[in-house]
Amino acid sequence: MTGAPRYQQRGIELMLDTLRRAQAPVDIVSFGSARPVAVAYNRAPDLLRERVRRVHLCAGAAPAGYLEWNVQLDVHAFVRLLRADLPLAVYPCATDKGAFDLGPHNTYWSLPNLAFVRDMAPPLQRYIEYAFLRSNRHDFLTVLDSPDPLGDMTPHYAGTHHLWETAVWTQVAGLRVAHVAAASPPLTGERGEDAASTKGWRILPKMGAPDGAPTVEEQLLPCRFEVRPDGQFRWEGLADSQHAVYSRANPTHYEQALREALPPWYRGFSGLLATG
């Protein structure tokens, strides 16, 4: 990477500069290619060991048997991180059957549609439209203030939406999916219809769910990775390891709960924008 153009170095430089300035341990979340994190580690291994609380790597397949897309983007970088002396959690995107399969250690799930986006704050709708319609407008920040839709989103809202990153965000942000039995008090950030009826599955801070509330069982299991040069890996449980793999007890239940919990969570962002 030292011979790459300067603009390709900016993200790595920003990562290292952020770590140097950090006053507290930093979590790094990696989607897509693992190359930027692997290069940063190669350039400043001691800095990463000292300042990184954990690298959260969203890639791979568990069990082995499928060469997942994010791994293929840079197999060498993925292997480098799984063999690195760093606190690392792997969130496999696929199973041995593929990326659209529900398994106990991969993160995939789906929403039947995105109709709830129409209830979100207009700036958030514009952001989603800009991304889904693949707009090439250069004024992407001005787009957020546009009062009118950027185009017809009906096909995108009506179709199935595939997700892989919810698990890593709930883990890093200290959230959990819990079932709320009572309609009061309103949950933080929820307004309108969601504030009036909070009963059901909701995304909450780990310390914010009512005592005894049923929760979706998910965790990071300490383990030891054995990774092949082609990016296929296996793991086995190992107490006190600095490496971990994502686990969910019941993938079908996980999907059902999040289909109910995610829409009010996103509508809650609209409430925060209105009060901010």
C-alpha atoms as a PDB file:
ATOM      1  CA  MET A   1       0.000   0.000   0.000  1.00  0.00           C
ATOM      2  CA  THR A   2       2.940   2.405   0.381  1.00  0.00           C
ATOM      3  CA  GLY A   3       3.037   2.762  -3.400  1.00  0.00           C
ATOM      4  CA  ALA A   4      -0.694   3.492  -3.742  1.00  0.00           C
ATOM      5  CA  PRO A   5      -1.887   7.026  -4.615  1.00  0.00           C
ATOM      6  CA  ARG A   6      -2.213   9.430  -1.693  1.00  0.00           C
ATOM      7  CA  TYR A   7      -5.998   9.533  -1.867  1.00  0.00           C
ATOM      8  CA  GLN A   8      -6.059   5.787  -1.215  1.00  0.00           C
ATOM      9  CA  GLN A   9      -4.025   6.334   1.948  1.00  0.00           C
ATOM     10  CA  ARG A  10      -6.346   8.901   3.554  1.00  0.00           C
ATOM     11  CA  GLY A  11      -8.586   6.433   5.361  1.00  0.00           C
ATOM     12  CA  ILE A  12      -5.638   4.570   6.850  1.00  0.00           C
ATOM     13  CA  GLU A  13      -3.999   7.819   7.911  1.00  0.00           C
ATOM     14  CA  LEU A  14      -7.239   8.991   9.514  1.00  0.00           C
ATOM     15  CA  MET A  15      -7.560   5.710  11.421  1.00  0.00           C
ATOM     16  CA  LEU A  16      -4.019   5.915  12.780  1.00  0.00           C
ATOM     17  CA  ASP A  17      -4.340   9.608  13.643  1.00  0.00           C
ATOM     18  CA  THR A  18      -7.599   8.934  15.472  1.00  0.00           C
ATOM     19  CA  LEU A  19      -5.947   6.202  17.511  1.00  0.00           C
ATOM     20  CA  ARG A  20      -2.989   8.425  18.389  1.00  0.00           C
ATOM     21  CA  ARG A  21      -5.350  11.137  19.656  1.00  0.00           C
ATOM     22  CA  ALA A  22      -7.739   8.767  21.438  1.00  0.00           C
ATOM     23  CA  GLN A  23      -8.192   9.283  25.170  1.00  0.00           C
ATOM     24  CA  ALA A  24      -9.998   5.966  25.611  1.00  0.00           C
ATOM     25  CA  PRO A  25      -9.902   2.534  23.936  1.00  0.00           C
ATOM     26  CA  VAL A  26     -11.396   2.571  20.441  1.00  0.00           C
ATOM     27  CA  ASP A  27     -13.673   0.046  18.714  1.00  0.00           C
ATOM     28  CA  ILE A  28     -13.036  -0.394  14.985  1.00  0.00           C
ATOM     29  CA  VAL A  29     -15.895  -1.756  12.879  1.00  0.00           C
ATOM     30  CA  SER A  30     -14.922  -3.178   9.489  1.00  0.00           C
ATOM     31  CA  PHE A  31     -17.331  -3.799   6.591  1.00  0.00           C
ATOM     32  CA  GLY A  32     -16.306  -4.825   3.103  1.00  0.00           C
ATOM     33  CA  SER A  33     -12.596  -5.293   2.578  1.00  0.00           C
ATOM     34  CA  ALA A  34     -10.443  -5.743   5.685  1.00  0.00           C
ATOM     35  CA  ARG A  35      -7.531  -4.074   3.893  1.00  0.00           C
ATOM     36  CA  PRO A  36      -7.560  -0.653   5.655  1.00  0.00           C
ATOM     37  CA  VAL A  37      -7.454  -2.216   9.123  1.00  0.00           C
ATOM     38  CA  ALA A  38      -4.855  -4.800   8.109  1.00  0.00           C
ATOM     39  CA  VAL A  39      -2.623  -2.121   6.574  1.00  0.00           C
ATOM     40  CA  ALA A  40      -2.979   0.069   9.679  1.00  0.00           C
ATOM     41  CA  TYR A  41      -1.947  -2.904  11.803  1.00  0.00           C
ATOM     42  CA  ASN A  42       1.042  -3.630   9.573  1.00  0.00           C
ATOM     43  CA  ARG A  43       2.208  -0.013   9.831  1.00  0.00           C
ATOM     44  CA  ALA A  44       1.649   0.531  13.553  1.00  0.00           C
ATOM     45  CA  PRO A  45       1.050  -2.779  15.349  1.00  0.00           C
ATOM     46  CA  ASP A  46       1.985  -1.444  18.790  1.00  0.00           C
ATOM     47  CA  LEU A  47      -0.388   1.506  18.411  1.00  0.00           C
ATOM     48  CA  LEU A  48      -3.302  -0.776  17.572  1.00  0.00           C
ATOM     49  CA  ARG A  49      -2.482  -3.152  20.414  1.00  0.00           C
ATOM     50  CA  GLU A  50      -2.398  -0.235  22.829  1.00  0.00           C
ATOM     51  CA  ARG A  51      -5.413   1.807  21.700  1.00  0.00           C
ATOM     52  CA  VAL A  52      -7.906  -0.639  20.140  1.00  0.00           C
ATOM     53  CA  ARG A  53     -10.504  -2.091  22.472  1.00  0.00           C
ATOM     54  CA  ARG A  54     -11.653  -4.499  19.773  1.00  0.00           C
ATOM     55  CA  VAL A  55     -11.736  -4.863  16.005  1.00  0.00           C
ATOM     56  CA  HIS A  56     -15.196  -5.963  14.855  1.00  0.00           C
ATOM     57  CA  LEU A  57     -14.789  -7.730  11.514  1.00  0.00           C
ATOM     58  CA  CYS A  58     -17.960  -8.356   9.507  1.00  0.00           C
ATOM     59  CA  ALA A  59     -16.954 -11.000   6.986  1.00  0.00           C
ATOM     60  CA  GLY A  60     -16.579 -14.704   6.399  1.00  0.00           C
ATOM     61  CA  ALA A  61     -18.703 -17.819   6.679  1.00  0.00           C
ATOM     62  CA  ALA A  62     -19.436 -20.094   9.630  1.00  0.00           C
ATOM     63  CA  PRO A  63     -19.324 -22.988   9.319  1.00  0.00           C
ATOM     64  CA  ALA A  64     -16.626 -23.057   6.639  1.00  0.00           C
ATOM     65  CA  GLY A  65     -17.473 -24.079   3.110  1.00  0.00           C
ATOM     66  CA  TYR A  66     -18.432 -20.819   1.377  1.00  0.00           C
ATOM     67  CA  LEU A  67     -15.994 -18.110   0.287  1.00  0.00           C
ATOM     68  CA  GLU A  68     -17.885 -15.015   1.348  1.00  0.00           C
ATOM     69  CA  TRP A  69     -17.818 -11.799  -0.705  1.00  0.00           C
ATOM     70  CA  ASN A  70     -16.195  -9.512   1.896  1.00  0.00           C
ATOM     71  CA  VAL A  71     -13.351 -12.000   2.310  1.00  0.00           C
ATOM     72  CA  GLN A  72     -12.826 -12.207  -1.449  1.00  0.00           C
ATOM     73  CA  LEU A  73     -12.284  -8.443  -1.623  1.00  0.00           C
ATOM     74  CA  ASP A  74      -8.891  -9.002   0.031  1.00  0.00           C
ATOM     75  CA  VAL A  75      -8.245 -12.510   1.288  1.00  0.00           C
ATOM     76  CA  HIS A  76      -4.752 -11.647   2.519  1.00  0.00           C
ATOM     77  CA  ALA A  77      -6.066  -8.810   4.698  1.00  0.00           C
ATOM     78  CA  PHE A  78      -8.749 -11.028   6.211  1.00  0.00           C
ATOM     79  CA  VAL A  79      -6.233 -13.759   7.019  1.00  0.00           C
ATOM     80  CA  ARG A  80      -3.850 -11.174   8.464  1.00  0.00           C
ATOM     81  CA  LEU A  81      -6.429  -9.946  10.966  1.00  0.00           C
ATOM     82  CA  LEU A  82      -7.540 -13.408  12.054  1.00  0.00           C
ATOM     83  CA  ARG A  83      -3.907 -14.227  12.792  1.00  0.00           C
ATOM     84  CA  ALA A  84      -3.159 -10.855  14.419  1.00  0.00           C
ATOM     85  CA  ASP A  85      -2.356 -10.292  18.054  1.00  0.00           C
ATOM     86  CA  LEU A  86      -5.354  -7.978  18.477  1.00  0.00           C
ATOM     87  CA  PRO A  87      -8.694  -8.132  20.301  1.00  0.00           C
ATOM     88  CA  LEU A  88     -10.939  -9.298  17.470  1.00  0.00           C
ATOM     89  CA  ALA A  89     -14.583 -10.281  17.056  1.00  0.00           C
ATOM     90  CA  VAL A  90     -15.719 -11.895  13.801  1.00  0.00           C
ATOM     91  CA  TYR A  91     -19.328 -11.524  12.653  1.00  0.00           C
ATOM     92  CA  PRO A  92     -19.691 -14.028   9.772  1.00  0.00           C
ATOM     93  CA  CYS A  93     -22.038 -12.813   7.057  1.00  0.00           C
ATOM     94  CA  ALA A  94     -22.726 -16.254   5.589  1.00  0.00           C
ATOM     95  CA  THR A  95     -23.072 -19.920   6.413  1.00  0.00           C
ATOM     96  CA  ASP A  96     -21.630 -22.772   4.386  1.00  0.00           C
ATOM     97  CA  LYS A  97     -24.807 -22.546   2.268  1.00  0.00           C
ATOM     98  CA  GLY A  98     -24.383 -18.898   1.302  1.00  0.00           C
ATOM     99  CA  ALA A  99     -24.956 -15.294   2.344  1.00  0.00           C
ATOM    100  CA  PHE A 100     -28.770 -15.462   2.480  1.00  0.00           C
ATOM    101  CA  ASP A 101     -29.031 -18.282   4.993  1.00  0.00           C
ATOM    102  CA  LEU A 102     -30.003 -18.118   8.672  1.00  0.00           C
ATOM    103  CA  GLY A 103     -27.455 -19.765  10.949  1.00  0.00           C
ATOM    104  CA  PRO A 104     -26.396 -19.643  14.607  1.00  0.00           C
ATOM    105  CA  HIS A 105     -23.146 -17.775  13.922  1.00  0.00           C
ATOM    106  CA  ASN A 106     -23.831 -15.599  10.904  1.00  0.00           C
ATOM    107  CA  THR A 107     -25.613 -12.247  11.052  1.00  0.00           C
ATOM    108  CA  TYR A 108     -27.994 -12.316   8.067  1.00  0.00           C
ATOM    109  CA  TRP A 109     -31.695 -11.559   8.374  1.00  0.00           C
ATOM    110  CA  SER A 110     -34.317  -9.856   6.188  1.00  0.00           C
ATOM    111  CA  LEU A 111     -37.129  -7.336   6.354  1.00  0.00           C
ATOM    112  CA  PRO A 112     -40.200  -8.061   4.184  1.00  0.00           C
ATOM    113  CA  ASN A 113     -40.323  -4.403   3.073  1.00  0.00           C
ATOM    114  CA  LEU A 114     -39.168  -0.865   3.905  1.00  0.00           C
ATOM    115  CA  ALA A 115     -42.578   0.813   4.045  1.00  0.00           C
ATOM    116  CA  PHE A 116     -41.724   2.310   7.463  1.00  0.00           C
ATOM    117  CA  VAL A 117     -39.137   4.602   5.829  1.00  0.00           C
ATOM    118  CA  ARG A 118     -42.021   6.838   4.720  1.00  0.00           C
ATOM    119  CA  ASP A 119     -42.643   7.616   8.412  1.00  0.00           C
ATOM    120  CA  MET A 120     -39.072   8.753   9.043  1.00  0.00           C
ATOM    121  CA  ALA A 121     -37.894  12.375   9.095  1.00  0.00           C
ATOM    122  CA  PRO A 122     -37.516  13.876   5.586  1.00  0.00           C
ATOM    123  CA  PRO A 123     -33.698  14.292   5.850  1.00  0.00           C
ATOM    124  CA  LEU A 124     -33.359  10.585   6.610  1.00  0.00           C
ATOM    125  CA  GLN A 125     -35.656   9.713   3.720  1.00  0.00           C
ATOM    126  CA  ARG A 126     -33.537  11.860   1.379  1.00  0.00           C
ATOM    127  CA  TYR A 127     -30.391  10.077   2.574  1.00  0.00           C
ATOM    128  CA  ILE A 128     -31.917   6.664   1.870  1.00  0.00           C
ATOM    129  CA  GLU A 129     -33.208   7.822  -1.527  1.00  0.00           C
ATOM    130  CA  TYR A 130     -29.781   9.178  -2.451  1.00  0.00           C
ATOM    131  CA  ALA A 131     -28.192   5.808  -1.651  1.00  0.00           C
ATOM    132  CA  PHE A 132     -30.798   3.462  -3.093  1.00  0.00           C
ATOM    133  CA  LEU A 133     -31.292   5.443  -6.308  1.00  0.00           C
ATOM    134  CA  ARG A 134     -27.505   5.628  -6.763  1.00  0.00           C
ATOM    135  CA  SER A 135     -27.635   9.330  -7.382  1.00  0.00           C
ATOM    136  CA  ASN A 136     -24.519  10.914  -8.874  1.00  0.00           C
ATOM    137  CA  ARG A 137     -25.364  14.392  -7.543  1.00  0.00           C
ATOM    138  CA  HIS A 138     -22.283  16.035  -6.073  1.00  0.00           C
ATOM    139  CA  ASP A 139     -24.260  18.114  -3.541  1.00  0.00           C
ATOM    140  CA  PHE A 140     -25.056  15.130  -1.341  1.00  0.00           C
ATOM    141  CA  LEU A 141     -25.352  17.235   1.828  1.00  0.00           C
ATOM    142  CA  THR A 142     -27.783  19.671   0.211  1.00  0.00           C
ATOM    143  CA  VAL A 143     -29.895  16.677  -0.739  1.00  0.00           C
ATOM    144  CA  LEU A 144     -30.762  16.154   2.932  1.00  0.00           C
ATOM    145  CA  ASP A 145     -32.587  19.502   3.033  1.00  0.00           C
ATOM    146  CA  SER A 146     -34.627  18.873  -0.089  1.00  0.00           C
ATOM    147  CA  PRO A 147     -38.395  18.982   0.638  1.00  0.00           C
ATOM    148  CA  ASP A 148     -39.203  16.682  -2.263  1.00  0.00           C
ATOM    149  CA  PRO A 149     -38.339  13.025  -2.903  1.00  0.00           C
ATOM    150  CA  LEU A 150     -35.402  12.418  -5.243  1.00  0.00           C
ATOM    151  CA  GLY A 151     -37.312   9.809  -7.220  1.00  0.00           C
ATOM    152  CA  ASP A 152     -39.706   6.891  -7.120  1.00  0.00           C
ATOM    153  CA  MET A 153     -38.764   4.607  -4.230  1.00  0.00           C
ATOM    154  CA  THR A 154     -41.801   2.312  -4.542  1.00  0.00           C
ATOM    155  CA  PRO A 155     -39.842  -0.690  -5.922  1.00  0.00           C
ATOM    156  CA  HIS A 156     -37.251  -0.364  -3.163  1.00  0.00           C
ATOM    157  CA  TYR A 157     -39.775   0.027  -0.357  1.00  0.00           C
ATOM    158  CA  ALA A 158     -41.908  -2.872  -1.573  1.00  0.00           C
ATOM    159  CA  GLY A 159     -39.194  -5.479  -1.933  1.00  0.00           C
ATOM    160  CA  THR A 160     -37.376  -7.616   0.612  1.00  0.00           C
ATOM    161  CA  HIS A 161     -34.474  -5.844   2.310  1.00  0.00           C
ATOM    162  CA  HIS A 162     -31.431  -7.915   3.289  1.00  0.00           C
ATOM    163  CA  LEU A 163     -29.356  -7.029   6.351  1.00  0.00           C
ATOM    164  CA  TRP A 164     -26.055  -8.247   7.781  1.00  0.00           C
ATOM    165  CA  GLU A 165     -24.811  -5.435  10.061  1.00  0.00           C
ATOM    166  CA  THR A 166     -27.463  -5.142  12.793  1.00  0.00           C
ATOM    167  CA  ALA A 167     -25.646  -7.557  15.085  1.00  0.00           C
ATOM    168  CA  VAL A 168     -22.382  -5.650  15.111  1.00  0.00           C
ATOM    169  CA  TRP A 169     -24.069  -2.319  15.840  1.00  0.00           C
ATOM    170  CA  THR A 170     -26.059  -3.701  18.762  1.00  0.00           C
ATOM    171  CA  GLN A 171     -22.916  -5.279  20.215  1.00  0.00           C
ATOM    172  CA  VAL A 172     -20.707  -2.207  19.821  1.00  0.00           C
ATOM    173  CA  ALA A 173     -23.368   0.247  21.004  1.00  0.00           C
ATOM    174  CA  GLY A 174     -24.325  -1.841  24.035  1.00  0.00           C
ATOM    175  CA  LEU A 175     -27.881  -2.547  22.849  1.00  0.00           C
ATOM    176  CA  ARG A 176     -30.138  -5.572  23.029  1.00  0.00           C
ATOM    177  CA  VAL A 177     -33.456  -6.673  21.571  1.00  0.00           C
ATOM    178  CA  ALA A 178     -36.000  -7.052  24.373  1.00  0.00           C
ATOM    179  CA  HIS A 179     -39.742  -7.624  24.608  1.00  0.00           C
ATOM    180  CA  VAL A 180     -41.566  -4.825  26.423  1.00  0.00           C
ATOM    181  CA  ALA A 181     -44.860  -5.937  27.960  1.00  0.00           C
ATOM    182  CA  ALA A 182     -46.126  -2.553  29.236  1.00  0.00           C
ATOM    183  CA  ALA A 183     -46.991   0.499  27.164  1.00  0.00           C
ATOM    184  CA  SER A 184     -45.370   2.958  29.560  1.00  0.00           C
ATOM    185  CA  PRO A 185     -43.071   4.691  30.149  1.00  0.00           C
ATOM    186  CA  PRO A 186     -42.238   5.643  26.540  1.00  0.00           C
ATOM    187  CA  LEU A 187     -38.867   4.456  25.295  1.00  0.00           C
ATOM    188  CA  THR A 188     -36.102   6.998  24.819  1.00  0.00           C
ATOM    189  CA  GLY A 189     -36.205   8.630  21.392  1.00  0.00           C
ATOM    190  CA  GLU A 190     -39.646   7.340  20.423  1.00  0.00           C
ATOM    191  CA  ARG A 191     -42.432   9.765  19.593  1.00  0.00           C
ATOM    192  CA  GLY A 192     -45.982   9.746  18.318  1.00  0.00           C
ATOM    193  CA  GLU A 193     -47.415   6.314  17.596  1.00  0.00           C
ATOM    194  CA  ASP A 194     -44.275   4.546  18.812  1.00  0.00           C
ATOM    195  CA  ALA A 195     -44.275   6.407  22.130  1.00  0.00           C
ATOM    196  CA  ALA A 196     -47.931   5.582  22.697  1.00  0.00           C
ATOM    197  CA  SER A 197     -47.493   1.878  22.029  1.00  0.00           C
ATOM    198  CA  THR A 198     -44.102   0.532  23.030  1.00  0.00           C
ATOM    199  CA  LYS A 199     -45.387  -2.957  23.686  1.00  0.00           C
ATOM    200  CA  GLY A 200     -43.545  -5.608  21.727  1.00  0.00           C
ATOM    201  CA  TRP A 201     -39.977  -6.228  20.619  1.00  0.00           C
ATOM    202  CA  ARG A 202     -37.770  -3.155  20.864  1.00  0.00           C
ATOM    203  CA  ILE A 203     -34.082  -2.254  20.602  1.00  0.00           C
ATOM    204  CA  LEU A 204     -32.955  -0.899  23.972  1.00  0.00           C
ATOM    205  CA  PRO A 205     -29.800  -0.112  25.925  1.00  0.00           C
ATOM    206  CA  LYS A 206     -28.694  -3.240  27.774  1.00  0.00           C
ATOM    207  CA  MET A 207     -29.443  -1.548  31.092  1.00  0.00           C
ATOM    208  CA  GLY A 208     -32.700  -0.006  29.844  1.00  0.00           C
ATOM    209  CA  ALA A 209     -34.938  -3.063  29.439  1.00  0.00           C
ATOM    210  CA  PRO A 210     -37.456  -3.822  32.196  1.00  0.00           C
ATOM    211  CA  ASP A 211     -36.349  -6.434  34.719  1.00  0.00           C
ATOM    212  CA  GLY A 212     -37.258  -9.915  33.588  1.00  0.00           C
ATOM    213  CA  ALA A 213     -38.082  -8.851  30.034  1.00  0.00           C
ATOM    214  CA  PRO A 214     -37.509 -11.620  27.447  1.00  0.00           C
ATOM    215  CA  THR A 215     -34.497 -10.845  25.238  1.00  0.00           C
ATOM    216  CA  VAL A 216     -33.043 -12.151  22.022  1.00  0.00           C
ATOM    217  CA  GLU A 217     -30.089 -14.306  23.013  1.00  0.00           C
ATOM    218  CA  GLU A 218     -26.911 -13.227  21.228  1.00  0.00           C
ATOM    219  CA  GLN A 219     -23.315 -12.942  22.377  1.00  0.00           C
ATOM    220  CA  LEU A 220     -19.643 -12.968  21.447  1.00  0.00           C
ATOM    221  CA  LEU A 221     -18.084 -16.346  22.246  1.00  0.00           C
ATOM    222  CA  PRO A 222     -14.359 -16.343  23.149  1.00  0.00           C
ATOM    223  CA  CYS A 223     -12.564 -18.649  20.756  1.00  0.00           C
ATOM    224  CA  ARG A 224      -9.443 -19.557  18.836  1.00  0.00           C
ATOM    225  CA  PHE A 225      -9.463 -19.152  15.048  1.00  0.00           C
ATOM    226  CA  GLU A 226      -7.732 -21.413  12.590  1.00  0.00           C
ATOM    227  CA  VAL A 227      -7.724 -19.693   9.196  1.00  0.00           C
ATOM    228  CA  ARG A 228      -6.509 -21.075   5.863  1.00  0.00           C
ATOM    229  CA  PRO A 229      -4.718 -18.962   3.243  1.00  0.00           C
ATOM    230  CA  ASP A 230      -7.915 -18.889   1.145  1.00  0.00           C
ATOM    231  CA  GLY A 231      -9.902 -17.205   3.958  1.00  0.00           C
ATOM    232  CA  GLN A 232     -11.845 -20.242   5.092  1.00  0.00           C
ATOM    233  CA  PHE A 233     -11.700 -20.533   8.862  1.00  0.00           C
ATOM    234  CA  ARG A 234     -12.750 -22.706  11.760  1.00  0.00           C
ATOM    235  CA  TRP A 235     -13.031 -21.834  15.414  1.00  0.00           C
ATOM    236  CA  GLU A 236     -13.216 -23.569  18.746  1.00  0.00           C
ATOM    237  CA  GLY A 237     -14.205 -22.188  22.128  1.00  0.00           C
ATOM    238  CA  LEU A 238     -11.346 -20.917  24.261  1.00  0.00           C
ATOM    239  CA  ALA A 239     -11.980 -19.141  27.558  1.00  0.00           C
ATOM    240  CA  ASP A 240     -10.175 -15.839  28.137  1.00  0.00           C
ATOM    241  CA  SER A 241      -9.213 -15.552  24.457  1.00  0.00           C
ATOM    242  CA  GLN A 242      -8.989 -12.058  22.975  1.00  0.00           C
ATOM    243  CA  HIS A 243     -10.690 -13.426  19.864  1.00  0.00           C
ATOM    244  CA  ALA A 244     -14.435 -14.073  19.638  1.00  0.00           C
ATOM    245  CA  VAL A 245     -17.129 -15.157  17.186  1.00  0.00           C
ATOM    246  CA  TYR A 246     -20.723 -13.934  17.039  1.00  0.00           C
ATOM    247  CA  SER A 247     -23.464 -16.309  18.181  1.00  0.00           C
ATOM    248  CA  ARG A 248     -27.268 -16.187  18.296  1.00  0.00           C
ATOM    249  CA  ALA A 249     -29.328 -18.870  20.007  1.00  0.00           C
ATOM    250  CA  ASN A 250     -32.279 -18.967  17.589  1.00  0.00           C
ATOM    251  CA  PRO A 251     -31.775 -17.338  14.154  1.00  0.00           C
ATOM    252  CA  THR A 252     -35.458 -17.563  13.204  1.00  0.00           C
ATOM    253  CA  HIS A 253     -36.561 -15.945  16.459  1.00  0.00           C
ATOM    254  CA  TYR A 254     -33.843 -13.297  15.986  1.00  0.00           C
ATOM    255  CA  GLU A 255     -35.266 -12.388  12.588  1.00  0.00           C
ATOM    256  CA  GLN A 256     -38.868 -12.307  13.807  1.00  0.00           C
ATOM    257  CA  ALA A 257     -37.997 -10.055  16.748  1.00  0.00           C
ATOM    258  CA  LEU A 258     -35.982  -7.599  14.667  1.00  0.00           C
ATOM    259  CA  ARG A 259     -38.688  -7.340  12.030  1.00  0.00           C
ATOM    260  CA  GLU A 260     -40.838  -5.888  14.795  1.00  0.00           C
ATOM    261  CA  ALA A 261     -38.113  -3.913  16.591  1.00  0.00           C
ATOM    262  CA  LEU A 262     -36.205  -2.172  13.800  1.00  0.00           C
ATOM    263  CA  PRO A 263     -38.942   0.052  12.284  1.00  0.00           C
ATOM    264  CA  PRO A 264     -39.752   1.894  15.554  1.00  0.00           C
ATOM    265  CA  TRP A 265     -36.036   2.194  16.228  1.00  0.00           C
ATOM    266  CA  TYR A 266     -35.532   4.059  12.946  1.00  0.00           C
ATOM    267  CA  ARG A 267     -38.659   6.134  13.460  1.00  0.00           C
ATOM    268  CA  GLY A 268     -37.153   7.065  16.837  1.00  0.00           C
ATOM    269  CA  PHE A 269     -34.304   8.800  15.017  1.00  0.00           C
ATOM    270  CA  SER A 270     -36.939  11.031  13.450  1.00  0.00           C
ATOM    271  CA  GLY A 271     -38.033  12.025  16.940  1.00  0.00           C
ATOM    272  CA  LEU A 272     -34.483  12.901  17.928  1.00  0.00           C
ATOM    273  CA  LEU A 273     -34.146  15.115  14.851  1.00  0.00           C
ATOM    274  CA  ALA A 274     -37.391  16.903  15.716  1.00  0.00           C
ATOM    275  CA  THR A 275     -36.224  17.634  19.281  1.00  0.00           C
ATOM    276  CA  GLY A 276     -32.653  18.535  18.238  1.00  0.00           C
END
